[in-house]
Amino acid sequence: MDHNEALRMQAAAKYVLGELSPVLREEYEEHFFDCTACALDVKAATDFLNIAREVLRQRPDIHRLRHSKRWRRARQFHPIKR
Protein backbone atom coordinates (compact mmCIF):
# COMPACT_ATOMS: atom_id res chain seq x y z
CA MET A 1 0.00 0.00 0.00
CA ASP A 2 1.35 3.42 -0.87
CA HIS A 3 0.76 6.68 0.98
CA ASN A 4 -1.83 8.07 -1.44
CA GLU A 5 -3.89 4.89 -1.25
CA ALA A 6 -3.71 4.96 2.55
CA LEU A 7 -5.00 8.54 2.56
CA ARG A 8 -7.69 7.85 -0.02
CA MET A 9 -9.16 4.97 1.93
CA GLN A 10 -8.72 6.66 5.34
CA ALA A 11 -6.69 3.67 6.43
CA ALA A 12 -5.52 5.15 9.75
CA ALA A 13 -9.05 5.53 11.09
CA LYS A 14 -10.14 2.15 9.74
CA TYR A 15 -7.03 0.54 11.20
CA VAL A 16 -7.70 1.93 14.67
CA LEU A 17 -11.39 0.97 14.49
CA GLY A 18 -10.54 -2.55 13.29
CA GLU A 19 -12.37 -2.08 10.00
CA LEU A 20 -9.60 -3.26 7.65
CA SER A 21 -9.56 -6.78 6.27
CA PRO A 22 -6.63 -8.91 7.45
CA VAL A 23 -4.88 -8.42 4.08
CA LEU A 24 -5.33 -4.63 4.08
CA ARG A 25 -4.36 -4.45 7.74
CA GLU A 26 -1.07 -6.20 7.01
CA GLU A 27 -0.40 -3.99 3.97
CA TYR A 28 -1.14 -0.85 5.98
CA GLU A 29 1.09 -1.96 8.86
CA GLU A 30 3.96 -2.51 6.44
CA HIS A 31 3.37 1.00 5.10
CA PHE A 32 2.94 2.97 8.31
CA PHE A 33 5.97 1.45 10.04
CA ASP A 34 8.00 3.28 7.37
CA CYS A 35 5.77 6.36 6.94
CA THR A 36 5.98 8.96 9.69
CA ALA A 37 2.85 10.78 8.52
CA CYS A 38 0.70 7.65 8.64
CA ALA A 39 2.19 6.59 11.98
CA LEU A 40 1.22 9.99 13.38
CA ASP A 41 -2.27 9.58 11.91
CA VAL A 42 -2.63 6.24 13.70
CA LYS A 43 -1.43 7.79 16.96
CA ALA A 44 -3.83 10.73 16.59
CA ALA A 45 -6.77 8.45 15.81
CA THR A 46 -5.91 6.22 18.78
CA ASP A 47 -5.61 9.22 21.11
CA PHE A 48 -8.93 10.63 19.86
CA LEU A 49 -10.69 7.31 20.36
CA ASN A 50 -9.33 6.94 23.88
CA ILE A 51 -10.32 10.49 24.86
CA ALA A 52 -13.79 10.09 23.33
CA ARG A 53 -14.34 6.88 25.30
CA GLU A 54 -13.29 8.60 28.52
CA VAL A 55 -15.54 11.62 27.90
CA LEU A 56 -18.52 9.41 27.12
CA ARG A 57 -17.86 7.38 30.27
CA GLN A 58 -17.99 10.59 32.33
CA ARG A 59 -20.99 12.13 30.55
CA PRO A 60 -23.57 13.44 33.01
CA ASP A 61 -27.10 12.12 32.99
CA ILE A 62 -28.67 14.27 30.24
CA HIS A 63 -32.23 13.72 31.48
CA ARG A 64 -31.37 14.99 34.97
CA LEU A 65 -29.49 17.96 33.51
CA ARG A 66 -32.38 19.03 31.27
CA HIS A 67 -34.74 19.20 34.22
CA SER A 68 -32.44 21.19 36.46
CA LYS A 69 -32.97 24.85 37.37
CA ARG A 70 -29.64 25.70 35.79
CA TRP A 71 -30.73 24.24 32.43
CA ARG A 72 -34.06 26.12 32.46
CA ARG A 73 -32.29 29.37 33.34
CA ALA A 74 -29.78 28.88 30.50
CA ARG A 75 -32.60 28.23 28.02
CA GLN A 76 -34.13 31.62 28.87
CA PHE A 77 -31.04 33.30 27.45
CA HIS A 78 -30.24 30.79 24.69
CA PRO A 79 -33.45 29.14 23.50
CA ILE A 80 -33.07 25.85 21.68
CA LYS A 81 -34.26 26.01 18.09
CA ARG A 82 -36.29 23.05 16.96
PDB file of N, CA and C in Angstrom:
ATOM      1  N   MET A   1       0.857  -1.167   0.000  1.00  0.00           N
ATOM      2  CA  MET A   1       0.000   0.000   0.000  1.00  0.00           C
ATOM      3  C   MET A   1       0.902   1.228   0.000  1.00  0.00           C
ATOM      4  N   ASP A   2       0.576   2.190  -0.866  1.00  0.00           N
ATOM      5  CA  ASP A   2       1.355   3.420  -0.869  1.00  0.00           C
ATOM      6  C   ASP A   2       0.617   4.502  -0.075  1.00  0.00           C
ATOM      7  N   HIS A   3       1.291   5.610   0.129  1.00  0.00           N
ATOM      8  CA  HIS A   3       0.760   6.682   0.976  1.00  0.00           C
ATOM      9  C   HIS A   3      -0.554   7.253   0.432  1.00  0.00           C
ATOM     10  N   ASN A   4      -0.612   7.494  -0.866  1.00  0.00           N
ATOM     11  CA  ASN A   4      -1.835   8.065  -1.444  1.00  0.00           C
ATOM     12  C   ASN A   4      -3.028   7.129  -1.284  1.00  0.00           C
ATOM     13  N   GLU A   5      -2.804   5.855  -1.436  1.00  0.00           N
ATOM     14  CA  GLU A   5      -3.888   4.888  -1.249  1.00  0.00           C
ATOM     15  C   GLU A   5      -4.339   4.867   0.210  1.00  0.00           C
ATOM     16  N   ALA A   6      -3.378   4.935   1.126  1.00  0.00           N
ATOM     17  CA  ALA A   6      -3.709   4.957   2.553  1.00  0.00           C
ATOM     18  C   ALA A   6      -4.568   6.176   2.893  1.00  0.00           C
ATOM     19  N   LEU A   7      -4.210   7.331   2.322  1.00  0.00           N
ATOM     20  CA  LEU A   7      -5.003   8.543   2.556  1.00  0.00           C
ATOM     21  C   LEU A   7      -6.388   8.431   1.934  1.00  0.00           C
ATOM     22  N   ARG A   8      -6.423   7.945   0.700  1.00  0.00           N
ATOM     23  CA  ARG A   8      -7.693   7.847  -0.022  1.00  0.00           C
ATOM     24  C   ARG A   8      -8.700   6.980   0.719  1.00  0.00           C
ATOM     25  N   MET A   9      -8.228   5.889   1.275  1.00  0.00           N
ATOM     26  CA  MET A   9      -9.155   4.968   1.929  1.00  0.00           C
ATOM     27  C   MET A   9      -9.287   5.212   3.432  1.00  0.00           C
ATOM     28  N   GLN A  10      -8.676   6.314   3.913  1.00  0.00           N
ATOM     29  CA  GLN A  10      -8.722   6.664   5.341  1.00  0.00           C
ATOM     30  C   GLN A  10      -8.292   5.467   6.190  1.00  0.00           C
ATOM     31  N   ALA A  11      -7.167   4.906   5.812  1.00  0.00           N
ATOM     32  CA  ALA A  11      -6.692   3.670   6.428  1.00  0.00           C
ATOM     33  C   ALA A  11      -6.367   3.820   7.906  1.00  0.00           C
ATOM     34  N   ALA A  12      -5.869   4.976   8.329  1.00  0.00           N
ATOM     35  CA  ALA A  12      -5.516   5.145   9.746  1.00  0.00           C
ATOM     36  C   ALA A  12      -6.740   4.968  10.638  1.00  0.00           C
ATOM     37  N   ALA A  13      -7.820   5.637  10.294  1.00  0.00           N
ATOM     38  CA  ALA A  13      -9.049   5.530  11.093  1.00  0.00           C
ATOM     39  C   ALA A  13      -9.602   4.110  11.049  1.00  0.00           C
ATOM     40  N   LYS A  14      -9.623   3.521   9.867  1.00  0.00           N
ATOM     41  CA  LYS A  14     -10.140   2.149   9.738  1.00  0.00           C
ATOM     42  C   LYS A  14      -9.258   1.158  10.471  1.00  0.00           C
ATOM     43  N   TYR A  15      -7.964   1.406  10.483  1.00  0.00           N
ATOM     44  CA  TYR A  15      -7.028   0.544  11.200  1.00  0.00           C
ATOM     45  C   TYR A  15      -7.327   0.573  12.701  1.00  0.00           C
ATOM     46  N   VAL A  16      -7.456   1.775  13.240  1.00  0.00           N
ATOM     47  CA  VAL A  16      -7.703   1.932  14.673  1.00  0.00           C
ATOM     48  C   VAL A  16      -9.058   1.349  15.066  1.00  0.00           C
ATOM     49  N   LEU A  17     -10.050   1.482  14.202  1.00  0.00           N
ATOM     50  CA  LEU A  17     -11.393   0.970  14.491  1.00  0.00           C
ATOM     51  C   LEU A  17     -11.536  -0.518  14.182  1.00  0.00           C
ATOM     52  N   GLY A  18     -10.491  -1.122  13.610  1.00  0.00           N
ATOM     53  CA  GLY A  18     -10.537  -2.546  13.291  1.00  0.00           C
ATOM     54  C   GLY A  18     -11.402  -2.860  12.089  1.00  0.00           C
ATOM     55  N   GLU A  19     -11.505  -1.915  11.161  1.00  0.00           N
ATOM     56  CA  GLU A  19     -12.371  -2.083   9.997  1.00  0.00           C
ATOM     57  C   GLU A  19     -11.640  -2.530   8.733  1.00  0.00           C
ATOM     58  N   LEU A  20     -10.342  -2.789   8.826  1.00  0.00           N
ATOM     59  CA  LEU A  20      -9.599  -3.265   7.652  1.00  0.00           C
ATOM     60  C   LEU A  20      -9.618  -4.789   7.620  1.00  0.00           C
ATOM     61  N   SER A  21      -9.670  -5.321   6.422  1.00  0.00           N
ATOM     62  CA  SER A  21      -9.561  -6.777   6.274  1.00  0.00           C
ATOM     63  C   SER A  21      -8.163  -7.190   6.721  1.00  0.00           C
ATOM     64  N   PRO A  22      -7.970  -8.460   7.034  1.00  0.00           N
ATOM     65  CA  PRO A  22      -6.626  -8.906   7.446  1.00  0.00           C
ATOM     66  C   PRO A  22      -5.545  -8.574   6.417  1.00  0.00           C
ATOM     67  N   VAL A  23      -5.867  -8.712   5.139  1.00  0.00           N
ATOM     68  CA  VAL A  23      -4.881  -8.419   4.084  1.00  0.00           C
ATOM     69  C   VAL A  23      -4.549  -6.930   4.064  1.00  0.00           C
ATOM     70  N   LEU A  24      -5.572  -6.075   4.085  1.00  0.00           N
ATOM     71  CA  LEU A  24      -5.331  -4.629   4.078  1.00  0.00           C
ATOM     72  C   LEU A  24      -4.637  -4.181   5.364  1.00  0.00           C
ATOM     73  N   ARG A  25      -4.997  -4.797   6.462  1.00  0.00           N
ATOM     74  CA  ARG A  25      -4.360  -4.450   7.740  1.00  0.00           C
ATOM     75  C   ARG A  25      -2.853  -4.717   7.658  1.00  0.00           C
ATOM     76  N   GLU A  26      -2.487  -5.859   7.130  1.00  0.00           N
ATOM     77  CA  GLU A  26      -1.071  -6.199   7.008  1.00  0.00           C
ATOM     78  C   GLU A  26      -0.355  -5.239   6.052  1.00  0.00           C
ATOM     79  N   GLU A  27      -0.999  -4.926   4.922  1.00  0.00           N
ATOM     80  CA  GLU A  27      -0.400  -3.985   3.966  1.00  0.00           C
ATOM     81  C   GLU A  27      -0.216  -2.615   4.603  1.00  0.00           C
ATOM     82  N   TYR A  28      -1.226  -2.179   5.352  1.00  0.00           N
ATOM     83  CA  TYR A  28      -1.142  -0.850   5.977  1.00  0.00           C
ATOM     84  C   TYR A  28      -0.062  -0.838   7.062  1.00  0.00           C
ATOM     85  N   GLU A  29       0.041  -1.897   7.843  1.00  0.00           N
ATOM     86  CA  GLU A  29       1.088  -1.960   8.859  1.00  0.00           C
ATOM     87  C   GLU A  29       2.477  -1.878   8.228  1.00  0.00           C
ATOM     88  N   GLU A  30       2.674  -2.578   7.129  1.00  0.00           N
ATOM     89  CA  GLU A  30       3.964  -2.505   6.435  1.00  0.00           C
ATOM     90  C   GLU A  30       4.245  -1.076   5.994  1.00  0.00           C
ATOM     91  N   HIS A  31       3.197  -0.377   5.556  1.00  0.00           N
ATOM     92  CA  HIS A  31       3.371   0.999   5.102  1.00  0.00           C
ATOM     93  C   HIS A  31       3.649   1.946   6.269  1.00  0.00           C
ATOM     94  N   PHE A  32       2.801   1.918   7.306  1.00  0.00           N
ATOM     95  CA  PHE A  32       2.938   2.966   8.314  1.00  0.00           C
ATOM     96  C   PHE A  32       4.137   2.777   9.243  1.00  0.00           C
ATOM     97  N   PHE A  33       4.734   1.603   9.266  1.00  0.00           N
ATOM     98  CA  PHE A  33       5.966   1.453  10.038  1.00  0.00           C
ATOM     99  C   PHE A  33       7.108   2.229   9.387  1.00  0.00           C
ATOM    100  N   ASP A  34       6.987   2.505   8.081  1.00  0.00           N
ATOM    101  CA  ASP A  34       8.004   3.285   7.367  1.00  0.00           C
ATOM    102  C   ASP A  34       7.563   4.699   7.039  1.00  0.00           C
ATOM    103  N   CYS A  35       6.314   5.052   7.324  1.00  0.00           N
ATOM    104  CA  CYS A  35       5.775   6.364   6.944  1.00  0.00           C
ATOM    105  C   CYS A  35       5.425   7.149   8.211  1.00  0.00           C
ATOM    106  N   THR A  36       6.199   8.166   8.491  1.00  0.00           N
ATOM    107  CA  THR A  36       5.984   8.963   9.695  1.00  0.00           C
ATOM    108  C   THR A  36       4.604   9.615   9.716  1.00  0.00           C
ATOM    109  N   ALA A  37       4.156  10.112   8.575  1.00  0.00           N
ATOM    110  CA  ALA A  37       2.853  10.783   8.517  1.00  0.00           C
ATOM    111  C   ALA A  37       1.722   9.822   8.877  1.00  0.00           C
ATOM    112  N   CYS A  38       1.753   8.629   8.339  1.00  0.00           N
ATOM    113  CA  CYS A  38       0.700   7.654   8.640  1.00  0.00           C
ATOM    114  C   CYS A  38       0.803   7.148  10.079  1.00  0.00           C
ATOM    115  N   ALA A  39       2.023   6.995  10.584  1.00  0.00           N
ATOM    116  CA  ALA A  39       2.194   6.589  11.981  1.00  0.00           C
ATOM    117  C   ALA A  39       1.611   7.644  12.910  1.00  0.00           C
ATOM    118  N   LEU A  40       1.807   8.915  12.579  1.00  0.00           N
ATOM    119  CA  LEU A  40       1.221   9.994  13.378  1.00  0.00           C
ATOM    120  C   LEU A  40      -0.306  10.005  13.268  1.00  0.00           C
ATOM    121  N   ASP A  41      -0.821   9.677  12.078  1.00  0.00           N
ATOM    122  CA  ASP A  41      -2.275   9.580  11.910  1.00  0.00           C
ATOM    123  C   ASP A  41      -2.859   8.469  12.786  1.00  0.00           C
ATOM    124  N   VAL A  42      -2.170   7.342  12.852  1.00  0.00           N
ATOM    125  CA  VAL A  42      -2.627   6.236  13.701  1.00  0.00           C
ATOM    126  C   VAL A  42      -2.595   6.654  15.169  1.00  0.00           C
ATOM    127  N   LYS A  43      -1.527   7.327  15.566  1.00  0.00           N
ATOM    128  CA  LYS A  43      -1.433   7.788  16.961  1.00  0.00           C
ATOM    129  C   LYS A  43      -2.533   8.790  17.273  1.00  0.00           C
ATOM    130  N   ALA A  44      -2.792   9.729  16.368  1.00  0.00           N
ATOM    131  CA  ALA A  44      -3.835  10.733  16.593  1.00  0.00           C
ATOM    132  C   ALA A  44      -5.208  10.077  16.677  1.00  0.00           C
ATOM    133  N   ALA A  45      -5.474   9.131  15.790  1.00  0.00           N
ATOM    134  CA  ALA A  45      -6.771   8.447  15.810  1.00  0.00           C
ATOM    135  C   ALA A  45      -6.937   7.634  17.092  1.00  0.00           C
ATOM    136  N   THR A  46      -5.864   6.995  17.537  1.00  0.00           N
ATOM    137  CA  THR A  46      -5.912   6.225  18.782  1.00  0.00           C
ATOM    138  C   THR A  46      -6.144   7.143  19.976  1.00  0.00           C
ATOM    139  N   ASP A  47      -5.429   8.258  20.017  1.00  0.00           N
ATOM    140  CA  ASP A  47      -5.613   9.223  21.109  1.00  0.00           C
ATOM    141  C   ASP A  47      -7.036   9.764  21.124  1.00  0.00           C
ATOM    142  N   PHE A  48      -7.558  10.118  19.946  1.00  0.00           N
ATOM    143  CA  PHE A  48      -8.930  10.630  19.863  1.00  0.00           C
ATOM    144  C   PHE A  48      -9.930   9.602  20.373  1.00  0.00           C
ATOM    145  N   LEU A  49      -9.772   8.370  19.938  1.00  0.00           N
ATOM    146  CA  LEU A  49     -10.691   7.313  20.359  1.00  0.00           C
ATOM    147  C   LEU A  49     -10.649   7.111  21.874  1.00  0.00           C
ATOM    148  N   ASN A  50      -9.460   7.112  22.439  1.00  0.00           N
ATOM    149  CA  ASN A  50      -9.330   6.939  23.883  1.00  0.00           C
ATOM    150  C   ASN A  50      -9.946   8.097  24.661  1.00  0.00           C
ATOM    151  N   ILE A  51      -9.737   9.315  24.189  1.00  0.00           N
ATOM    152  CA  ILE A  51     -10.317  10.490  24.855  1.00  0.00           C
ATOM    153  C   ILE A  51     -11.832  10.482  24.722  1.00  0.00           C
ATOM    154  N   ALA A  52     -12.338  10.150  23.534  1.00  0.00           N
ATOM    155  CA  ALA A  52     -13.789  10.091  23.330  1.00  0.00           C
ATOM    156  C   ALA A  52     -14.432   9.060  24.250  1.00  0.00           C
ATOM    157  N   ARG A  53     -13.811   7.911  24.393  1.00  0.00           N
ATOM    158  CA  ARG A  53     -14.340   6.883  25.300  1.00  0.00           C
ATOM    159  C   ARG A  53     -14.390   7.395  26.740  1.00  0.00           C
ATOM    160  N   GLU A  54     -13.343   8.083  27.151  1.00  0.00           N
ATOM    161  CA  GLU A  54     -13.287   8.605  28.519  1.00  0.00           C
ATOM    162  C   GLU A  54     -14.361   9.677  28.746  1.00  0.00           C
ATOM    163  N   VAL A  55     -14.525  10.566  27.780  1.00  0.00           N
ATOM    164  CA  VAL A  55     -15.544  11.617  27.896  1.00  0.00           C
ATOM    165  C   VAL A  55     -16.935  11.004  27.958  1.00  0.00           C
ATOM    166  N   LEU A  56     -17.202  10.037  27.115  1.00  0.00           N
ATOM    167  CA  LEU A  56     -18.519   9.409  27.117  1.00  0.00           C
ATOM    168  C   LEU A  56     -18.769   8.630  28.409  1.00  0.00           C
ATOM    169  N   ARG A  57     -17.729   8.079  28.992  1.00  0.00           N
ATOM    170  CA  ARG A  57     -17.858   7.380  30.267  1.00  0.00           C
ATOM    171  C   ARG A  57     -18.237   8.352  31.381  1.00  0.00           C
ATOM    172  N   GLN A  58     -17.765   9.597  31.286  1.00  0.00           N
ATOM    173  CA  GLN A  58     -17.986  10.589  32.327  1.00  0.00           C
ATOM    174  C   GLN A  58     -19.190  11.492  32.052  1.00  0.00           C
ATOM    175  N   ARG A  59     -19.872  11.270  30.951  1.00  0.00           N
ATOM    176  CA  ARG A  59     -20.986  12.135  30.548  1.00  0.00           C
ATOM    177  C   ARG A  59     -22.059  12.164  31.639  1.00  0.00           C
ATOM    178  N   PRO A  60     -22.519  13.364  31.993  1.00  0.00           N
ATOM    179  CA  PRO A  60     -23.570  13.440  33.012  1.00  0.00           C
ATOM    180  C   PRO A  60     -24.893  12.913  32.467  1.00  0.00           C
ATOM    181  N   ASP A  61     -25.770  12.579  33.363  1.00  0.00           N
ATOM    182  CA  ASP A  61     -27.098  12.118  32.993  1.00  0.00           C
ATOM    183  C   ASP A  61     -27.847  13.275  32.324  1.00  0.00           C
ATOM    184  N   ILE A  62     -28.054  13.193  31.008  1.00  0.00           N
ATOM    185  CA  ILE A  62     -28.673  14.273  30.245  1.00  0.00           C
ATOM    186  C   ILE A  62     -30.097  14.557  30.726  1.00  0.00           C
ATOM    187  N   HIS A  63     -30.844  13.519  31.044  1.00  0.00           N
ATOM    188  CA  HIS A  63     -32.231  13.719  31.484  1.00  0.00           C
ATOM    189  C   HIS A  63     -32.263  14.561  32.758  1.00  0.00           C
ATOM    190  N   ARG A  64     -31.413  14.237  33.705  1.00  0.00           N
ATOM    191  CA  ARG A  64     -31.373  14.988  34.965  1.00  0.00           C
ATOM    192  C   ARG A  64     -30.936  16.421  34.709  1.00  0.00           C
ATOM    193  N   LEU A  65     -29.981  16.623  33.826  1.00  0.00           N
ATOM    194  CA  LEU A  65     -29.490  17.958  33.507  1.00  0.00           C
ATOM    195  C   LEU A  65     -30.582  18.815  32.882  1.00  0.00           C
ATOM    196  N   ARG A  66     -31.339  18.255  31.956  1.00  0.00           N
ATOM    197  CA  ARG A  66     -32.377  19.026  31.266  1.00  0.00           C
ATOM    198  C   ARG A  66     -33.508  19.474  32.180  1.00  0.00           C
ATOM    199  N   HIS A  67     -33.668  18.820  33.307  1.00  0.00           N
ATOM    200  CA  HIS A  67     -34.739  19.197  34.221  1.00  0.00           C
ATOM    201  C   HIS A  67     -34.225  19.985  35.418  1.00  0.00           C
ATOM    202  N   SER A  68     -33.002  20.425  35.350  1.00  0.00           N
ATOM    203  CA  SER A  68     -32.441  21.190  36.457  1.00  0.00           C
ATOM    204  C   SER A  68     -32.775  22.674  36.291  1.00  0.00           C
ATOM    205  N   LYS A  69     -32.726  23.405  37.399  1.00  0.00           N
ATOM    206  CA  LYS A  69     -32.974  24.854  37.372  1.00  0.00           C
ATOM    207  C   LYS A  69     -31.942  25.548  36.497  1.00  0.00           C
ATOM    208  N   ARG A  70     -30.712  25.094  36.579  1.00  0.00           N
ATOM    209  CA  ARG A  70     -29.636  25.701  35.791  1.00  0.00           C
ATOM    210  C   ARG A  70     -29.931  25.601  34.291  1.00  0.00           C
ATOM    211  N   TRP A  71     -30.404  24.446  33.844  1.00  0.00           N
ATOM    212  CA  TRP A  71     -30.729  24.241  32.435  1.00  0.00           C
ATOM    213  C   TRP A  71     -31.869  25.171  32.005  1.00  0.00           C
ATOM    214  N   ARG A  72     -32.925  25.254  32.811  1.00  0.00           N
ATOM    215  CA  ARG A  72     -34.061  26.122  32.459  1.00  0.00           C
ATOM    216  C   ARG A  72     -33.631  27.575  32.402  1.00  0.00           C
ATOM    217  N   ARG A  73     -32.779  27.993  33.340  1.00  0.00           N
ATOM    218  CA  ARG A  73     -32.290  29.369  33.342  1.00  0.00           C
ATOM    219  C   ARG A  73     -31.451  29.641  32.090  1.00  0.00           C
ATOM    220  N   ALA A  74     -30.604  28.711  31.698  1.00  0.00           N
ATOM    221  CA  ALA A  74     -29.775  28.883  30.502  1.00  0.00           C
ATOM    222  C   ALA A  74     -30.638  28.969  29.248  1.00  0.00           C
ATOM    223  N   ARG A  75     -31.718  28.201  29.198  1.00  0.00           N
ATOM    224  CA  ARG A  75     -32.598  28.228  28.018  1.00  0.00           C
ATOM    225  C   ARG A  75     -33.306  29.564  27.872  1.00  0.00           C
ATOM    226  N   GLN A  76     -33.503  30.294  28.964  1.00  0.00           N
ATOM    227  CA  GLN A  76     -34.126  31.616  28.871  1.00  0.00           C
ATOM    228  C   GLN A  76     -33.262  32.555  28.033  1.00  0.00           C
ATOM    229  N   PHE A  77     -31.957  32.421  28.155  1.00  0.00           N
ATOM    230  CA  PHE A  77     -31.036  33.305  27.446  1.00  0.00           C
ATOM    231  C   PHE A  77     -30.601  32.755  26.089  1.00  0.00           C
ATOM    232  N   HIS A  78     -30.645  31.442  25.937  1.00  0.00           N
ATOM    233  CA  HIS A  78     -30.236  30.786  24.694  1.00  0.00           C
ATOM    234  C   HIS A  78     -31.260  29.718  24.341  1.00  0.00           C
ATOM    235  N   PRO A  79     -32.420  30.138  23.815  1.00  0.00           N
ATOM    236  CA  PRO A  79     -33.452  29.139  23.500  1.00  0.00           C
ATOM    237  C   PRO A  79     -32.962  28.141  22.465  1.00  0.00           C
ATOM    238  N   ILE A  80     -33.419  26.910  22.609  1.00  0.00           N
ATOM    239  CA  ILE A  80     -33.066  25.851  21.678  1.00  0.00           C
ATOM    240  C   ILE A  80     -34.006  25.910  20.488  1.00  0.00           C
ATOM    241  N   LYS A  81     -33.441  25.983  19.304  1.00  0.00           N
ATOM    242  CA  LYS A  81     -34.258  26.011  18.087  1.00  0.00           C
ATOM    243  C   LYS A  81     -34.621  24.587  17.703  1.00  0.00           C
ATOM    244  N   ARG A  82     -35.855  24.393  17.374  1.00  0.00           N
ATOM    245  CA  ARG A  82     -36.292  23.046  16.959  1.00  0.00           C
ATOM    246  C   ARG A  82     -36.753  23.062  15.543  1.00  0.00           C
TER     247      ARG A  82
END
